[in-house]
Amino acid sequence: MGVAAGAVVALILGSVAYFSPILSVRSVRVEGLSAVTEQQVLEALQMPEGRSILRIDTSELAQRVARLPKVSSVRVQRNLPSSVRVTVAERIAVLFFEAPDGAHLIDSESVEFAIEPAPIGVPKLVTEHPGGNDPVTRAAVTVLNAVPGTLRFDVGQIVARSVSDIELELRDGRTVLWGGPGDSERKAAVVVPLLTQPGDVFDISTPNLVTVK
């Protein structure tokens, strides 16, 4: 009898907490923002007023925020009794291309997410049909992702004539003929030591037979 009564009481208390505004969301903490504003996140959340924190759908809330163009991923967590924590990972430009309406920014997943001045140091992409859905653009992004970090900041421009004909133009005037995305791990291993040699054009498109001109 005592156990049954306790179970009933627990059920009643749980129902009160689940359906009543006693545990309603009173604060939202947003973290990880730089390019996206907190107001944009709060507007995207559309947090229901007066609803118990136990009843909010954190997955749905995260999906709403993830629709913001500059957002890469989102995590929404309940912090009992009445706070919600939103952690945002923003998209970071790795390439940009020029168009009549301005500079288009592309992230490391080949997502075209903004039209605005490119951040300092982001390489320019030169190709015939640039865009997030263009296979040549995707190949260029794959190549850039494979470039060693110590060299990536020296890349001023990427010229992509096809998925197998991609070259890196360094800011000091030298050129690296990368070829296609294939064998990128091997190419990344040989390119930095090779650049210590004198020359203007470094061909690593066939990493087992590199040439310098």
Protein backbone atom coordinates (compact mmCIF):
# COMPACT_ATOMS: atom_id res chain seq x y z
CA MET A 1 0.00 0.00 0.00
CA GLY A 2 2.79 2.40 0.91
CA VAL A 3 4.70 1.70 -2.29
CA ALA A 4 1.55 2.20 -4.37
CA ALA A 5 0.78 5.48 -2.61
CA GLY A 6 4.33 6.68 -3.19
CA ALA A 7 4.07 5.84 -6.87
CA VAL A 8 0.84 7.80 -7.16
CA VAL A 9 2.38 10.82 -5.44
CA ALA A 10 5.41 10.66 -7.73
CA LEU A 11 3.14 10.45 -10.75
CA ILE A 12 1.15 13.45 -9.62
CA LEU A 13 4.29 15.51 -8.96
CA GLY A 14 5.73 14.51 -12.31
CA SER A 15 2.54 15.53 -14.08
CA VAL A 16 2.54 18.88 -12.32
CA ALA A 17 6.15 19.51 -13.37
CA TYR A 18 5.50 18.35 -16.93
CA PHE A 19 2.35 20.30 -17.66
CA SER A 20 2.40 23.31 -15.35
CA PRO A 21 4.43 26.53 -15.80
CA ILE A 22 6.30 25.91 -12.53
CA LEU A 23 9.36 24.76 -14.51
CA SER A 24 8.82 27.08 -17.45
CA VAL A 25 11.90 28.36 -19.30
CA ARG A 26 13.03 31.62 -17.75
CA SER A 27 16.43 32.12 -19.38
CA VAL A 28 18.31 31.12 -22.52
CA ARG A 29 22.11 31.17 -22.65
CA VAL A 30 23.68 31.23 -26.12
CA GLU A 31 27.36 30.34 -26.61
CA GLY A 32 29.77 30.16 -29.54
CA LEU A 33 28.63 33.27 -31.40
CA SER A 34 30.81 35.53 -33.50
CA ALA A 35 29.23 36.34 -36.88
CA VAL A 36 25.71 35.37 -35.78
CA THR A 37 23.96 37.61 -33.25
CA GLU A 38 22.20 36.40 -30.13
CA GLN A 39 19.02 38.07 -31.32
CA GLN A 40 19.07 36.03 -34.52
CA VAL A 41 19.39 32.82 -32.50
CA LEU A 42 16.58 33.77 -30.10
CA GLU A 43 14.28 34.67 -32.98
CA ALA A 44 15.06 31.38 -34.72
CA LEU A 45 14.42 29.39 -31.52
CA GLN A 46 10.84 30.62 -31.14
CA MET A 47 10.94 29.45 -27.55
CA PRO A 48 7.35 28.82 -26.39
CA GLU A 49 6.37 31.01 -23.44
CA GLY A 50 5.17 29.40 -20.26
CA ARG A 51 5.92 25.83 -21.36
CA SER A 52 7.61 23.51 -18.89
CA ILE A 53 11.28 22.92 -19.66
CA LEU A 54 10.46 19.20 -19.63
CA ARG A 55 8.14 19.64 -22.61
CA ILE A 56 10.39 21.54 -24.99
CA ASP A 57 11.71 19.61 -27.98
CA THR A 58 15.45 20.29 -27.96
CA SER A 59 15.95 18.62 -31.36
CA GLU A 60 13.34 20.81 -33.00
CA LEU A 61 14.80 23.93 -31.41
CA ALA A 62 18.28 22.99 -32.68
CA GLN A 63 16.93 22.42 -36.19
CA ARG A 64 15.39 25.89 -36.22
CA VAL A 65 18.68 27.56 -35.33
CA ALA A 66 20.60 25.35 -37.79
CA ARG A 67 18.58 26.92 -40.62
CA LEU A 68 20.50 30.17 -40.15
CA PRO A 69 22.93 30.32 -43.10
CA LYS A 70 26.00 31.00 -40.99
CA VAL A 71 25.31 28.18 -38.52
CA SER A 72 27.05 24.85 -39.02
CA SER A 73 25.69 22.91 -36.04
CA VAL A 74 23.68 23.53 -32.86
CA ARG A 75 23.21 21.79 -29.54
CA VAL A 76 20.30 22.66 -27.24
CA GLN A 77 20.39 21.44 -23.63
CA ARG A 78 18.05 21.73 -20.66
CA ASN A 79 19.55 23.11 -17.46
CA LEU A 80 17.02 22.44 -14.73
CA PRO A 81 15.07 23.96 -13.27
CA SER A 82 14.42 26.73 -15.82
CA SER A 83 17.36 27.47 -18.13
CA VAL A 84 18.20 26.42 -21.69
CA ARG A 85 21.74 26.36 -23.07
CA VAL A 86 22.30 26.78 -26.82
CA THR A 87 25.77 26.02 -28.18
CA VAL A 88 26.37 27.19 -31.74
CA ALA A 89 29.17 26.25 -34.14
CA GLU A 90 29.39 28.80 -36.93
CA ARG A 91 30.49 28.24 -40.50
CA ILE A 92 33.99 29.50 -41.23
CA ALA A 93 34.98 30.69 -44.68
CA VAL A 94 37.85 28.78 -46.28
CA LEU A 95 37.38 30.14 -49.82
CA PHE A 96 35.53 32.91 -51.58
CA PHE A 97 34.70 33.74 -55.17
CA GLU A 98 33.75 37.03 -56.75
CA ALA A 99 30.34 37.55 -58.37
CA PRO A 100 28.42 40.63 -59.55
CA ASP A 101 26.59 40.78 -56.20
CA GLY A 102 29.76 40.52 -54.11
CA ALA A 103 32.07 37.95 -52.56
CA HIS A 104 30.48 34.54 -51.89
CA LEU A 105 31.89 32.70 -48.88
CA ILE A 106 32.33 28.91 -48.86
CA ASP A 107 33.09 26.77 -45.81
CA SER A 108 35.09 23.56 -45.43
CA GLU A 109 32.03 21.48 -46.36
CA SER A 110 31.60 23.36 -49.66
CA VAL A 111 28.54 25.18 -48.32
CA GLU A 112 28.03 28.64 -49.81
CA PHE A 113 26.71 30.51 -46.79
CA ALA A 114 27.12 34.29 -47.15
CA ILE A 115 27.62 37.16 -49.57
CA GLU A 116 29.88 39.68 -47.86
CA PRO A 117 33.51 40.84 -47.86
CA ALA A 118 35.84 37.90 -47.34
CA PRO A 119 37.80 37.79 -44.07
CA ILE A 120 41.48 38.67 -44.31
CA GLY A 121 43.59 35.71 -45.34
CA VAL A 122 40.84 33.66 -47.01
CA PRO A 123 42.01 32.51 -50.47
CA LYS A 124 40.13 33.48 -53.61
CA LEU A 125 38.72 30.76 -55.85
CA VAL A 126 38.98 31.19 -59.60
CA THR A 127 36.94 28.71 -61.61
CA GLU A 128 34.45 28.78 -64.45
CA HIS A 129 31.24 28.00 -62.56
CA PRO A 130 31.92 28.59 -58.84
CA GLY A 131 29.32 27.57 -56.28
CA GLY A 132 28.56 25.16 -53.49
CA ASN A 133 27.04 22.59 -55.87
CA ASP A 134 29.78 22.82 -58.51
CA PRO A 135 31.97 19.68 -58.64
CA VAL A 136 35.09 21.71 -59.45
CA THR A 137 34.45 24.02 -56.50
CA ARG A 138 34.00 21.00 -54.24
CA ALA A 139 37.27 19.54 -55.50
CA ALA A 140 39.04 22.84 -54.76
CA VAL A 141 37.68 22.83 -51.20
CA THR A 142 38.80 19.22 -50.74
CA VAL A 143 42.28 20.16 -51.90
CA LEU A 144 42.45 23.16 -49.58
CA ASN A 145 41.34 21.01 -46.64
CA ALA A 146 44.29 18.72 -47.39
CA VAL A 147 46.87 21.51 -47.54
CA PRO A 148 49.06 21.49 -44.39
CA GLY A 149 48.12 24.18 -41.91
CA THR A 150 51.56 25.77 -42.09
CA LEU A 151 51.07 26.34 -45.82
CA ARG A 152 47.38 27.14 -45.93
CA PHE A 153 47.87 30.70 -44.73
CA ASP A 154 50.28 31.30 -47.63
CA VAL A 155 47.67 30.41 -50.26
CA GLY A 156 46.31 33.57 -51.84
CA GLN A 157 44.35 32.08 -54.71
CA ILE A 158 43.19 28.71 -55.99
CA VAL A 159 42.77 28.28 -59.73
CA ALA A 160 40.57 25.28 -60.55
CA ARG A 161 40.26 24.53 -64.25
CA SER A 162 38.75 21.09 -63.67
CA VAL A 163 38.41 18.55 -60.87
CA SER A 164 41.86 17.21 -61.80
CA ASP A 165 43.60 20.50 -62.61
CA ILE A 166 43.89 22.61 -59.47
CA GLU A 167 46.75 24.90 -58.60
CA LEU A 168 47.62 26.94 -55.54
CA GLU A 169 48.96 30.44 -56.08
CA LEU A 170 50.99 31.45 -53.04
CA ARG A 171 51.13 35.01 -51.80
CA ASP A 172 54.85 35.23 -52.55
CA GLY A 173 54.25 34.54 -56.27
CA ARG A 174 55.10 30.85 -56.34
CA THR A 175 52.68 28.26 -57.75
CA VAL A 176 51.93 24.72 -56.61
CA LEU A 177 50.39 22.44 -59.24
CA TRP A 178 48.30 20.15 -57.05
CA GLY A 179 46.28 18.32 -59.69
CA GLY A 180 43.14 16.66 -58.32
CA PRO A 181 42.07 15.65 -54.81
CA GLY A 182 43.49 12.15 -55.25
CA ASP A 183 46.64 11.26 -53.29
CA SER A 184 46.21 14.44 -51.26
CA GLU A 185 47.69 12.86 -48.15
CA ARG A 186 50.89 12.06 -50.02
CA LYS A 187 50.92 15.47 -51.70
CA ALA A 188 50.52 17.19 -48.34
CA ALA A 189 53.53 15.25 -47.06
CA VAL A 190 55.84 16.29 -49.90
CA VAL A 191 54.77 19.87 -50.59
CA VAL A 192 56.28 21.64 -47.57
CA PRO A 193 59.77 20.10 -47.89
CA LEU A 194 59.65 20.72 -51.65
CA LEU A 195 58.92 24.42 -51.15
CA THR A 196 62.25 24.80 -49.37
CA GLN A 197 63.91 24.35 -52.76
CA PRO A 198 64.48 27.32 -55.09
CA GLY A 199 61.94 27.66 -57.88
CA ASP A 200 58.70 29.24 -59.05
CA VAL A 201 56.48 26.33 -60.08
CA PHE A 202 56.23 23.19 -57.93
CA ASP A 203 54.42 20.29 -59.58
CA ILE A 204 53.16 17.69 -57.09
CA SER A 205 50.25 16.44 -59.21
CA THR A 206 52.12 13.11 -59.29
CA PRO A 207 53.55 13.02 -55.75
CA ASN A 208 55.98 10.22 -56.52
CA LEU A 209 57.54 12.25 -59.31
CA VAL A 210 57.60 15.91 -58.31
CA THR A 211 59.25 18.62 -60.39
CA VAL A 212 60.43 22.17 -59.77
CA LYS A 213 60.82 24.91 -62.35
